[in-house]
Each structure stands twice: as structure tokens, then as C-alpha cells.
């Protein structure tokens, strides 16, 4: 899943405040953008692990443009200092225990899935791709 993150630079403290609008409470502060990207990724994974531990649903990520427009309305005084990024997180480890099922798919569809998986770092396995597609469809 691709989560939008927002960076706001605090001139007084010389650091970035970094938060994930789709995950309320998931926020950090860091001195550099590069370190911020690393640490917010870790924070997102920790946040999702805690949700999974308590049996909570993984929040669906909204589009970046949607967050950006809401941010302008809610924070007009800091909008000019804010910039956005996307963090891609494999959410399958946070969806609960895996179960093996039999699925019948057309040969050409399987070939297309395998081709996509082999060419993309977003998916590690065919099952991960199918799970991601199912999750996206269920959120509609």
C-alpha cells in the first residue's frame, strides 16, 4: 500500500515534522529528509504491527491529492512549508495469519501476474500481488 506522508520544516528547531495522514498518531521528527524517509517507514510498520496485534483493520491509503487538498484547508498557515512523499509498504504481514487456498485462474492471467511480479519491487510473490489486488477491490 502506498501511504502519503507530509514533511513540515520547523525553522526554530531545524528539524522536519513528518506524519502519515492515513495513520493518525503515526508521526516523527528528524533532522534530514533522508533519515526522515527511513524512520517514517519504520514508524509505519510499527504502527501497523500494533494495529494487527489488537485485531484492528489496516487503514486504506487515500490518494495523495485528496490529502493535499484537505491539508490546505486544515493548515493554511503551514501549507507553504509542507511537501509530500509516498512510502510503499507491504501490508500483508499485518493482515493476520495466512491460509492456503486453491484458486483457478486462466493461464494467460497467471502469466501476466507473474510478469508483473518479476518486474516490480512492490510485489514479492504471486500471492502478495493477488492479496494486494483483492484488498484494493474490497476497499471500493
Foldseek 3Di string as FASTA:
>chain_A
DKFKKKWFADPVVQWIWIDTVQQPPQIDIGNDPVVVLVVSLVSLVVSLQVCLVVPHDDGDHDDPVVVLVVCCVVPVPRNVRMDMDIDQDQNVVSPDDDDDDDDDDDPVVLVVLVVCCVPDPSHVDSVSVVVVVVVVVVVD
